[in-house]
Amino acid sequence: MVASLAMYPFAPVRSATDSLWSVIRQHLGWGPSTLEWEVLAPEVWRHPDLLLAQTCGWPLVTQLVDEVAVVGTFDHDVPGSENGWYQSIIIGRSASTFEELRGRPGVVAATNSTESLSGWISLQSAWGGQPSAVVDTGSHMESVRAVAEGRADVASIDAVTWALISSLEPQLVSELTVVGSGPLVPCLPIVVPRRHEGQVEVLRDAFLAAVADPNTADACAQLHIRGFMPLDLADYLPLLSLPRST
């Protein structure tokens, strides 16, 4: 079996993720002994031996809706987050306000992917459409770099990623301005293939026990995790109603 919690794959926090999984597995009593780090999203979401994976809310409701069941999500200790919901961070380089940025002609947005809830759908929802041009960077980190280097004017960054980048690359972040936020949406879902739907409740129990276990305190602090929230697919389906350009 394969388990993947690699949607925040920064090397400095990989050991913390591994440590958290080790305690989850202890409470679960079975499952893969290590996390999958070689096969990453989106390929891992359809891995033939998949037990569980962390995914993005937008692909969940647009691509995986008939293929997976939702276990829940981590409740993250980042600004704007509450009970397993959070807001993306909208950044600019020189604009002081979101309204100022929106009023500029020819604004270029950097996005990790146009299939990203935090990086693109949330930006469109906050923007009331979309900027004049889009640069696809492939990752939130590269979107941050694109804005810092002047290749883009604005980007919407996953709030946990922004917190991690702020710790890991403080000089890079110091060159940028937070000008706004995206809509309040559920944090990244942890899902299982439909064939493992019967294991959802025991997995929820294991995740809840693990994040409350003193042995995960350091790992959870590094990963900005303060709890676990059991959520269902129904909690994510309203994402389809977010305002966006088509």
Protein backbone atom coordinates (compact mmCIF):
# COMPACT_ATOMS: atom_id res chain seq x y z
CA MET A 1 0.00 0.00 0.00
CA VAL A 2 1.02 3.59 -0.68
CA ALA A 3 0.37 6.65 1.48
CA SER A 4 1.22 10.19 0.38
CA LEU A 5 1.08 13.42 2.39
CA ALA A 6 3.34 15.28 -0.01
CA MET A 7 1.40 18.38 -1.05
CA TYR A 8 3.89 20.45 0.97
CA PRO A 9 7.07 18.69 -0.24
CA PHE A 10 9.66 21.16 1.06
CA ALA A 11 12.81 19.23 1.94
CA PRO A 12 13.29 20.90 5.38
CA VAL A 13 9.89 19.66 6.61
CA ARG A 14 9.92 16.23 4.98
CA SER A 15 11.23 14.58 8.15
CA ALA A 16 8.41 16.21 10.14
CA THR A 17 5.85 14.76 7.70
CA ASP A 18 7.48 11.34 7.98
CA SER A 19 7.42 11.60 11.76
CA LEU A 20 3.75 12.53 11.79
CA TRP A 21 2.89 9.61 9.53
CA SER A 22 4.82 7.24 11.80
CA VAL A 23 2.57 8.17 14.72
CA ILE A 24 -0.58 8.04 12.57
CA ARG A 25 0.39 4.51 11.57
CA GLN A 26 1.01 3.56 15.21
CA HIS A 27 -2.53 4.59 16.08
CA LEU A 28 -3.87 2.93 12.95
CA GLY A 29 -2.02 -0.33 13.60
CA TRP A 30 -1.47 -1.11 9.92
CA GLY A 31 -0.61 0.56 6.61
CA PRO A 32 2.62 1.38 4.79
CA SER A 33 5.56 1.95 7.10
CA THR A 34 6.82 4.94 5.12
CA LEU A 35 5.33 7.67 2.98
CA GLU A 36 5.64 7.80 -0.80
CA TRP A 37 7.97 10.62 -1.91
CA GLU A 38 8.96 9.50 -5.40
CA VAL A 39 5.53 9.45 -7.06
CA LEU A 40 3.92 12.83 -6.35
CA ALA A 41 0.72 14.63 -7.29
CA PRO A 42 -1.14 14.28 -9.54
CA GLU A 43 0.09 10.80 -10.51
CA VAL A 44 -0.05 9.45 -6.97
CA TRP A 45 -3.78 10.18 -6.71
CA ARG A 46 -4.46 7.27 -9.04
CA HIS A 47 -1.64 4.97 -7.90
CA PRO A 48 -2.85 1.34 -8.18
CA ASP A 49 -1.71 0.57 -4.61
CA LEU A 50 -2.90 3.84 -3.04
CA LEU A 51 -4.26 3.76 0.51
CA LEU A 52 -4.53 7.51 1.03
CA ALA A 53 -3.23 10.76 -0.40
CA GLN A 54 -3.42 14.47 0.19
CA THR A 55 -4.84 16.34 -2.78
CA CYS A 56 -6.03 19.79 -3.80
CA GLY A 57 -9.66 20.75 -3.38
CA TRP A 58 -10.18 21.72 -7.01
CA PRO A 59 -9.03 18.45 -8.62
CA LEU A 60 -11.06 16.67 -5.94
CA VAL A 61 -14.34 18.19 -7.14
CA THR A 62 -13.50 18.30 -10.86
CA GLN A 63 -11.47 15.14 -11.50
CA LEU A 64 -11.61 12.74 -8.55
CA VAL A 65 -15.16 13.21 -7.35
CA ASP A 66 -16.30 9.73 -8.45
CA GLU A 67 -13.04 7.99 -7.56
CA VAL A 68 -12.32 8.84 -3.93
CA ALA A 69 -13.84 9.32 -0.49
CA VAL A 70 -12.74 12.14 1.80
CA VAL A 71 -11.21 11.36 5.18
CA GLY A 72 -10.77 14.95 6.30
CA THR A 73 -8.16 17.69 6.49
CA PHE A 74 -5.59 19.14 8.83
CA ASP A 75 -6.56 22.25 10.74
CA HIS A 76 -3.65 24.60 10.11
CA ASP A 77 -2.29 27.23 12.44
CA VAL A 78 -1.89 30.00 9.87
CA PRO A 79 -3.54 33.44 9.60
CA GLY A 80 -7.10 33.30 8.32
CA SER A 81 -7.51 29.60 9.11
CA GLU A 82 -10.23 28.15 11.29
CA ASN A 83 -11.56 24.63 11.86
CA GLY A 84 -9.90 23.15 8.79
CA TRP A 85 -10.71 26.09 6.49
CA TYR A 86 -8.26 28.69 5.23
CA GLN A 87 -7.65 31.51 2.75
CA SER A 88 -4.95 31.80 0.14
CA ILE A 89 -2.48 34.69 0.42
CA ILE A 90 -2.46 37.15 -2.47
CA ILE A 91 0.92 38.80 -2.96
CA GLY A 92 2.30 41.65 -5.04
CA ARG A 93 5.67 43.29 -5.36
CA SER A 94 5.05 47.02 -5.18
CA ALA A 95 1.29 47.56 -4.88
CA SER A 96 0.11 48.58 -1.43
CA THR A 97 -3.49 47.41 -1.81
CA PHE A 98 -5.41 44.79 -3.74
CA GLU A 99 -7.61 47.48 -5.27
CA GLU A 100 -4.53 49.32 -6.57
CA LEU A 101 -3.25 46.13 -8.16
CA ARG A 102 -6.59 45.30 -9.77
CA GLY A 103 -6.77 48.79 -11.25
CA ARG A 104 -3.50 48.48 -13.13
CA PRO A 105 -3.55 47.66 -16.85
CA GLY A 106 -1.72 44.61 -18.13
CA VAL A 107 -1.32 42.82 -14.81
CA VAL A 108 0.45 39.45 -15.09
CA ALA A 109 -0.48 36.70 -12.64
CA ALA A 110 1.80 33.81 -11.73
CA THR A 111 0.06 30.54 -10.94
CA ASN A 112 1.35 27.14 -9.92
CA SER A 113 -1.41 25.55 -12.02
CA THR A 114 -4.74 26.54 -13.47
CA GLU A 115 -6.07 23.41 -11.70
CA SER A 116 -5.04 24.81 -8.30
CA LEU A 117 -7.70 25.96 -5.85
CA SER A 118 -5.37 28.25 -3.91
CA GLY A 119 -3.19 29.33 -6.81
CA TRP A 120 -5.78 30.06 -9.49
CA ILE A 121 -9.45 29.50 -8.60
CA SER A 122 -9.10 31.56 -5.40
CA LEU A 123 -7.31 34.34 -7.28
CA GLN A 124 -10.07 34.51 -9.90
CA SER A 125 -12.71 34.57 -7.19
CA ALA A 126 -11.02 37.44 -5.36
CA TRP A 127 -10.12 39.29 -8.59
CA GLY A 128 -13.65 39.13 -9.97
CA GLY A 129 -12.34 37.61 -13.20
CA GLN A 130 -8.70 37.24 -14.03
CA PRO A 131 -5.64 39.43 -14.69
CA SER A 132 -4.61 40.32 -18.22
CA ALA A 133 -2.02 37.57 -18.58
CA VAL A 134 -1.01 34.38 -16.80
CA VAL A 135 2.38 32.73 -16.30
CA ASP A 136 2.24 29.04 -15.35
CA THR A 137 5.14 28.42 -12.94
CA GLY A 138 4.53 24.84 -11.83
CA SER A 139 4.78 25.50 -8.07
CA HIS A 140 3.86 28.04 -5.44
CA MET A 141 7.53 28.64 -4.69
CA GLU A 142 8.20 29.50 -8.31
CA SER A 143 5.16 31.80 -8.34
CA VAL A 144 6.62 33.65 -5.37
CA ARG A 145 9.94 33.93 -7.19
CA ALA A 146 8.20 35.15 -10.34
CA VAL A 147 6.60 38.04 -8.46
CA ALA A 148 9.79 38.84 -6.54
CA GLU A 149 11.82 38.90 -9.77
CA GLY A 150 9.30 41.03 -11.66
CA ARG A 151 8.18 38.35 -14.11
CA ALA A 152 4.67 38.61 -12.66
CA ASP A 153 2.74 41.22 -10.70
CA VAL A 154 0.50 39.07 -8.53
CA ALA A 155 0.12 35.52 -7.27
CA SER A 156 -2.20 33.63 -4.97
CA ILE A 157 -0.31 31.30 -2.64
CA ASP A 158 -1.56 28.46 -0.45
CA ALA A 159 -1.55 29.82 3.11
CA VAL A 160 0.47 26.94 4.56
CA THR A 161 2.98 27.18 1.73
CA TRP A 162 3.28 30.92 2.38
CA ALA A 163 3.95 30.26 6.08
CA LEU A 164 6.61 27.68 5.19
CA ILE A 165 8.26 29.93 2.60
CA SER A 166 8.24 32.79 5.12
CA SER A 167 10.26 30.60 7.49
CA LEU A 168 12.55 29.06 4.88
CA GLU A 169 13.10 32.08 2.58
CA PRO A 170 12.64 35.21 4.73
CA GLN A 171 14.70 37.39 2.38
CA LEU A 172 12.53 36.42 -0.59
CA VAL A 173 9.34 37.13 1.32
CA SER A 174 10.65 40.49 2.55
CA GLU A 175 10.61 41.74 -1.05
CA LEU A 176 6.87 41.11 -1.38
CA THR A 177 3.64 42.58 -0.07
CA VAL A 178 0.55 40.70 1.06
CA VAL A 179 -2.27 42.64 -0.61
CA GLY A 180 -5.27 40.39 -0.05
CA SER A 181 -6.67 36.94 0.46
CA GLY A 182 -8.80 34.42 -1.35
CA PRO A 183 -12.18 33.08 -0.21
CA LEU A 184 -12.44 30.85 2.86
CA VAL A 185 -12.19 27.26 1.59
CA PRO A 186 -11.53 23.84 3.13
CA CYS A 187 -7.85 22.97 3.59
CA LEU A 188 -6.25 20.25 1.48
CA PRO A 189 -8.34 17.06 1.58
CA ILE A 190 -6.96 13.67 2.54
CA VAL A 191 -8.68 11.06 0.41
CA VAL A 192 -8.84 7.32 -0.12
CA PRO A 193 -9.76 5.43 -3.28
CA ARG A 194 -13.36 4.21 -3.30
CA ARG A 195 -12.16 0.65 -2.69
CA HIS A 196 -10.94 1.80 0.76
CA GLU A 197 -14.07 3.79 1.62
CA GLY A 198 -14.83 1.36 4.44
CA GLN A 199 -11.64 2.47 6.20
CA VAL A 200 -12.57 6.16 6.44
CA GLU A 201 -13.71 6.06 10.07
CA VAL A 202 -10.66 4.17 11.37
CA LEU A 203 -8.39 6.50 9.44
CA ARG A 204 -10.14 9.53 10.92
CA ASP A 205 -9.64 8.10 14.40
CA ALA A 206 -5.94 7.53 13.71
CA PHE A 207 -5.40 11.07 12.38
CA LEU A 208 -7.30 12.61 15.30
CA ALA A 209 -5.30 10.58 17.82
CA ALA A 210 -1.98 11.33 16.14
CA VAL A 211 -2.31 15.11 16.04
CA ALA A 212 -3.28 15.04 19.73
CA ASP A 213 -0.35 12.76 20.60
CA PRO A 214 2.50 14.58 22.42
CA ASN A 215 4.95 12.66 20.22
CA THR A 216 3.83 14.70 17.19
CA ALA A 217 4.05 18.12 18.84
CA ASP A 218 7.31 19.13 17.17
CA ALA A 219 6.30 17.77 13.76
CA CYS A 220 2.91 19.46 13.89
CA ALA A 221 4.51 22.77 14.88
CA GLN A 222 6.86 22.59 11.89
CA LEU A 223 3.95 21.77 9.59
CA HIS A 224 1.64 24.42 11.11
CA ILE A 225 -0.87 21.73 12.12
CA ARG A 226 -3.00 22.26 15.22
CA GLY A 227 -5.66 19.60 14.68
CA PHE A 228 -7.54 17.36 12.30
CA MET A 229 -11.06 17.91 11.00
CA PRO A 230 -13.15 15.03 9.62
CA LEU A 231 -14.73 16.41 6.45
CA ASP A 232 -16.76 14.83 3.67
CA LEU A 233 -16.95 15.34 -0.07
CA ALA A 234 -20.05 17.47 0.53
CA ASP A 235 -17.88 20.03 2.32
CA TYR A 236 -15.84 20.52 -0.88
CA LEU A 237 -18.56 20.47 -3.56
CA PRO A 238 -19.54 24.15 -2.95
CA LEU A 239 -16.13 25.04 -4.40
CA LEU A 240 -17.73 24.54 -7.80
CA SER A 241 -19.83 27.65 -7.14
CA LEU A 242 -16.87 29.97 -6.58
CA PRO A 243 -16.92 32.91 -9.03
CA ARG A 244 -14.35 32.43 -11.76
CA SER A 245 -13.71 33.03 -15.45
CA THR A 246 -14.58 30.18 -17.80
